[in-house]
Amino acid sequence: MVRHKPQTPAPEPALPDRIVEHFSVPSQLLRQTHSIRLDASYFNPAVAHVLETLRHSGMKLETLGAITSRVFIPPRFKRIYVQPEYGVPFLQGSHVVHFQPADLKYLSRKAHTRLERWIINSGWILITCSGTVGRVAICPPEWDQWAASQHILRIIPNDSACPVGYLYSFLASPLGHVQLTNRIYGAVVDELTEEQARSVLVPLPINEQQRAIVAEIDREAREAVTTRSKASGLLSSAVGAVGHLMKANPS
């Protein structure tokens, strides 16, 4: 009879050290919160630091809702997809920061009543408002009249109150992003509402020096959108030329 020695179990691999973000807040702050929020991220000291920075910026603070034409999220709806020639390109939240959105689906023009509720226009600011909240983009010309999901919040800018390029740059900066992500809610999936987005504070210039800097930020952001659109068009042209090359040189 052959006897087998019991094998010694292999030691479990050491887990890497995990750095958990943590902070302390006074209990009085929790009691003063009208919404009785108990999620820790709502009381992140980074938000207080951002608000303090804005208050000491020497600029006028206005809410996002006060300086834009409209801030809204379209309703949920049942999607019916069709072949590209019969539909409208449909942006998902993950597409917002893509140079060229991949795996696009197309919404039926005939099957959806009042499809215009989900249509976006060039120059609007788009913000992901569900799941990964706070990704910001300016709708480029090539996305004009596309449809977009309810997971993307729309901001229709008012250039006379706040230039769109500057507004986009602020919302994409840590000063804007912290405010957007601090307002999220949801036990399973993070969400940002229209009302919460409208309450974001935006600094506006009050003197010539500040106005000049804001104008330069606005110019650079607009130029970035234009350059991105040109690059996207050139890439599409190059990809399409490959197909023409194959047709022009049959085997």
Protein backbone atom coordinates (compact mmCIF):
# COMPACT_ATOMS: atom_id res chain seq x y z
CA MET A 1 0.00 0.00 0.00
CA VAL A 2 1.35 3.40 -0.98
CA ARG A 3 0.89 6.14 1.51
CA HIS A 4 0.72 9.75 0.37
CA LYS A 5 1.95 12.48 2.59
CA PRO A 6 -0.63 15.18 3.17
CA GLN A 7 0.22 18.25 1.17
CA THR A 8 0.82 21.49 2.99
CA PRO A 9 -1.57 24.12 1.61
CA ALA A 10 0.18 26.84 -0.29
CA PRO A 11 0.27 30.15 1.53
CA GLU A 12 -2.25 32.70 0.32
CA PRO A 13 -0.72 35.50 -1.74
CA ALA A 14 -0.21 38.70 0.18
CA LEU A 15 -2.76 41.33 -0.70
CA PRO A 16 -1.40 44.70 -1.72
CA ASP A 17 -1.81 47.50 0.76
CA ARG A 18 -4.99 49.43 0.06
CA ILE A 19 -5.10 53.15 0.62
CA VAL A 20 -8.60 54.10 1.68
CA GLU A 21 -9.54 57.74 1.48
CA HIS A 22 -10.85 58.91 4.82
CA PHE A 23 -11.58 62.14 6.63
CA SER A 24 -13.40 63.44 9.69
CA VAL A 25 -16.20 65.96 9.83
CA PRO A 26 -17.97 67.48 12.84
CA SER A 27 -21.33 65.94 13.69
CA GLN A 28 -22.84 69.42 13.61
CA LEU A 29 -22.23 69.50 9.86
CA LEU A 30 -24.38 66.40 9.41
CA ARG A 31 -27.19 67.91 11.47
CA GLN A 32 -27.08 71.12 9.41
CA THR A 33 -27.54 69.25 6.14
CA HIS A 34 -31.15 69.76 5.02
CA SER A 35 -31.17 66.62 2.87
CA ILE A 36 -29.86 64.46 5.76
CA ARG A 37 -27.18 62.94 3.54
CA LEU A 38 -25.19 60.11 5.17
CA ASP A 39 -22.91 59.21 2.25
CA ALA A 40 -19.34 60.23 3.03
CA SER A 41 -18.51 61.69 -0.39
CA TYR A 42 -21.08 64.45 0.15
CA PHE A 43 -18.98 65.83 3.01
CA ASN A 44 -15.61 65.49 1.28
CA PRO A 45 -13.36 68.34 2.52
CA ALA A 46 -12.18 68.81 -1.07
CA VAL A 47 -15.55 70.39 -1.82
CA ALA A 48 -15.20 72.86 1.02
CA HIS A 49 -11.72 73.70 -0.25
CA VAL A 50 -13.05 74.30 -3.77
CA LEU A 51 -15.85 76.54 -2.52
CA GLU A 52 -13.39 78.48 -0.35
CA THR A 53 -11.09 78.90 -3.36
CA LEU A 54 -13.97 80.23 -5.45
CA ARG A 55 -15.11 82.66 -2.75
CA HIS A 56 -11.59 84.10 -2.51
CA SER A 57 -11.01 84.22 -6.28
CA GLY A 58 -12.02 87.85 -6.60
CA MET A 59 -14.57 86.85 -9.24
CA LYS A 60 -18.36 86.95 -9.25
CA LEU A 61 -19.99 83.59 -8.55
CA GLU A 62 -23.13 82.57 -10.40
CA THR A 63 -24.98 79.27 -10.53
CA LEU A 64 -24.80 77.23 -13.72
CA GLY A 65 -28.56 77.53 -14.12
CA ALA A 66 -28.41 81.34 -14.04
CA ILE A 67 -25.82 81.72 -16.82
CA THR A 68 -27.09 79.16 -19.35
CA SER A 69 -30.16 78.96 -21.56
CA ARG A 70 -31.14 75.49 -20.37
CA VAL A 71 -29.85 72.54 -18.33
CA PHE A 72 -31.80 69.33 -18.86
CA ILE A 73 -31.85 65.54 -19.06
CA PRO A 74 -34.25 63.93 -21.56
CA PRO A 75 -36.68 61.22 -20.40
CA ARG A 76 -35.97 57.50 -20.51
CA PHE A 77 -37.31 55.66 -23.49
CA LYS A 78 -37.42 52.26 -25.17
CA ARG A 79 -34.81 52.17 -27.91
CA ILE A 80 -35.41 50.61 -31.28
CA TYR A 81 -32.24 50.20 -33.32
CA VAL A 82 -32.04 49.96 -37.10
CA GLN A 83 -29.43 49.90 -39.84
CA PRO A 84 -27.45 53.15 -40.27
CA GLU A 85 -29.28 54.22 -43.44
CA TYR A 86 -32.62 54.17 -41.58
CA GLY A 87 -31.59 55.76 -38.31
CA VAL A 88 -29.91 58.51 -36.33
CA PRO A 89 -26.50 57.94 -34.65
CA PHE A 90 -27.03 57.36 -30.91
CA LEU A 91 -24.44 58.47 -28.36
CA GLN A 92 -24.03 56.56 -25.10
CA GLY A 93 -22.45 58.08 -22.00
CA SER A 94 -19.17 56.27 -22.64
CA HIS A 95 -18.90 57.97 -26.05
CA VAL A 96 -18.70 61.51 -24.65
CA VAL A 97 -14.92 61.59 -24.30
CA HIS A 98 -14.16 59.44 -27.36
CA PHE A 99 -12.29 61.00 -30.27
CA GLN A 100 -14.39 58.93 -32.65
CA PRO A 101 -17.26 57.03 -30.96
CA ALA A 102 -16.97 53.31 -31.66
CA ASP A 103 -19.75 50.73 -32.00
CA LEU A 104 -22.40 53.36 -32.62
CA LYS A 105 -26.00 52.22 -32.79
CA TYR A 106 -28.74 53.96 -34.75
CA LEU A 107 -32.21 54.91 -33.53
CA SER A 108 -35.15 54.39 -35.84
CA ARG A 109 -36.49 57.68 -37.20
CA LYS A 110 -39.98 56.25 -37.66
CA ALA A 111 -40.42 54.15 -34.52
CA HIS A 112 -39.64 56.92 -32.00
CA THR A 113 -42.22 59.64 -31.52
CA ARG A 114 -40.81 63.10 -30.77
CA LEU A 115 -37.26 61.96 -31.42
CA GLU A 116 -36.19 65.62 -31.18
CA ARG A 117 -36.23 65.29 -27.37
CA TRP A 118 -32.99 63.29 -27.57
CA ILE A 119 -31.32 65.26 -30.38
CA ILE A 120 -28.18 67.24 -29.51
CA ASN A 121 -26.72 70.27 -31.30
CA SER A 122 -23.23 71.44 -32.06
CA GLY A 123 -21.89 73.73 -29.32
CA TRP A 124 -23.89 72.21 -26.46
CA ILE A 125 -22.00 71.03 -23.39
CA LEU A 126 -22.54 67.35 -22.59
CA ILE A 127 -21.94 65.84 -19.12
CA THR A 128 -22.30 62.20 -18.14
CA CYS A 129 -24.88 62.11 -15.34
CA SER A 130 -25.22 58.39 -14.58
CA GLY A 131 -22.63 55.76 -13.65
CA THR A 132 -19.34 57.57 -14.21
CA VAL A 133 -20.53 61.11 -13.46
CA GLY A 134 -18.76 64.27 -14.56
CA ARG A 135 -17.21 63.55 -17.96
CA VAL A 136 -17.53 66.78 -19.94
CA ALA A 137 -17.42 67.52 -23.67
CA ILE A 138 -18.51 70.17 -26.15
CA CYS A 139 -20.69 68.67 -28.87
CA PRO A 140 -18.55 68.97 -32.05
CA PRO A 141 -20.02 69.80 -35.47
CA GLU A 142 -19.85 66.16 -36.59
CA TRP A 143 -22.24 65.15 -33.79
CA ASP A 144 -24.79 67.82 -34.68
CA GLN A 145 -28.34 66.40 -34.87
CA TRP A 146 -27.28 63.08 -33.40
CA ALA A 147 -29.34 61.53 -30.61
CA ALA A 148 -27.94 60.94 -27.11
CA SER A 149 -29.11 58.85 -24.17
CA GLN A 150 -30.70 60.08 -20.96
CA HIS A 151 -27.40 59.33 -19.23
CA ILE A 152 -26.00 62.51 -20.77
CA LEU A 153 -27.00 65.87 -19.30
CA ARG A 154 -27.29 68.72 -21.80
CA ILE A 155 -26.29 72.34 -21.22
CA ILE A 156 -27.42 74.88 -23.80
CA PRO A 157 -24.98 77.77 -23.34
CA ASN A 158 -25.73 81.47 -23.28
CA ASP A 159 -22.60 83.07 -24.71
CA SER A 160 -23.65 86.55 -23.65
CA ALA A 161 -23.70 85.43 -20.00
CA CYS A 162 -20.78 82.99 -20.09
CA PRO A 163 -18.70 81.94 -23.13
CA VAL A 164 -19.17 78.25 -23.90
CA GLY A 165 -15.44 77.49 -24.22
CA TYR A 166 -14.72 79.00 -20.82
CA LEU A 167 -17.71 77.26 -19.23
CA TYR A 168 -16.62 73.90 -20.64
CA SER A 169 -13.06 74.45 -19.37
CA PHE A 170 -14.28 75.31 -15.89
CA LEU A 171 -16.62 72.31 -15.63
CA ALA A 172 -13.83 69.99 -16.86
CA SER A 173 -11.37 71.45 -14.32
CA PRO A 174 -11.05 70.13 -10.74
CA LEU A 175 -13.01 73.18 -9.51
CA GLY A 176 -16.01 72.16 -11.60
CA HIS A 177 -15.61 68.39 -11.51
CA VAL A 178 -15.53 68.25 -7.70
CA GLN A 179 -18.81 70.16 -7.53
CA LEU A 180 -20.47 67.88 -10.08
CA THR A 181 -19.38 64.63 -8.43
CA ASN A 182 -20.14 65.87 -4.92
CA ARG A 183 -23.81 66.21 -5.80
CA ILE A 184 -24.35 62.64 -7.01
CA TYR A 185 -26.75 60.25 -5.31
CA GLY A 186 -27.78 56.64 -5.67
CA ALA A 187 -27.24 53.46 -3.67
CA VAL A 188 -26.12 51.36 -6.65
CA VAL A 189 -25.61 53.66 -9.64
CA ASP A 190 -24.38 57.23 -9.17
CA GLU A 191 -26.73 59.86 -10.59
CA LEU A 192 -26.63 63.63 -11.10
CA THR A 193 -29.90 65.54 -11.44
CA GLU A 194 -30.72 68.68 -13.40
CA GLU A 195 -31.28 70.64 -10.19
CA GLN A 196 -27.94 69.58 -8.76
CA ALA A 197 -26.12 70.55 -11.95
CA ARG A 198 -27.84 73.94 -12.04
CA SER A 199 -26.53 74.71 -8.54
CA VAL A 200 -22.84 74.39 -9.51
CA LEU A 201 -21.05 77.69 -8.87
CA VAL A 202 -19.15 79.25 -11.78
CA PRO A 203 -16.74 82.20 -11.40
CA LEU A 204 -17.24 85.10 -13.81
CA PRO A 205 -14.88 88.04 -14.45
CA ILE A 206 -15.46 91.47 -12.92
CA ASN A 207 -12.49 93.43 -14.30
CA GLU A 208 -10.58 93.79 -17.56
CA GLN A 209 -7.71 91.52 -16.55
CA GLN A 210 -10.06 88.68 -15.63
CA ARG A 211 -12.12 89.23 -18.80
CA ALA A 212 -8.97 88.97 -20.91
CA ILE A 213 -8.00 85.65 -19.28
CA VAL A 214 -11.52 84.26 -19.67
CA ALA A 215 -11.51 85.29 -23.35
CA GLU A 216 -8.20 83.47 -23.90
CA ILE A 217 -9.48 80.32 -22.17
CA ASP A 218 -12.61 80.46 -24.32
CA ARG A 219 -10.57 80.90 -27.51
CA GLU A 220 -8.30 77.95 -26.73
CA ALA A 221 -11.22 75.65 -25.89
CA ARG A 222 -13.06 76.55 -29.11
CA GLU A 223 -9.88 76.04 -31.12
CA ALA A 224 -9.45 72.62 -29.50
CA VAL A 225 -12.94 71.59 -30.63
CA THR A 226 -12.26 72.83 -34.17
CA THR A 227 -8.91 71.03 -34.32
CA ARG A 228 -10.45 67.82 -33.01
CA SER A 229 -13.17 67.97 -35.67
CA LYS A 230 -10.60 68.47 -38.43
CA ALA A 231 -8.54 65.55 -37.13
CA SER A 232 -11.62 63.33 -36.95
CA GLY A 233 -12.52 64.23 -40.54
CA LEU A 234 -9.01 63.51 -41.79
CA LEU A 235 -8.96 60.15 -40.04
CA SER A 236 -12.34 59.17 -41.49
CA SER A 237 -11.14 60.19 -44.93
CA ALA A 238 -7.97 58.11 -44.57
CA VAL A 239 -9.91 55.05 -43.43
CA GLY A 240 -12.37 55.43 -46.30
CA ALA A 241 -9.52 55.78 -48.79
CA VAL A 242 -8.34 52.28 -47.90
CA GLY A 243 -11.59 50.85 -49.26
CA HIS A 244 -11.29 52.87 -52.46
CA LEU A 245 -7.74 51.60 -52.85
CA MET A 246 -8.90 47.99 -52.74
CA LYS A 247 -11.59 48.69 -55.37
CA ALA A 248 -9.14 50.51 -57.61
CA ASN A 249 -6.70 47.60 -57.55
CA PRO A 250 -8.73 44.40 -57.95
CA SER A 251 -6.79 41.14 -57.76
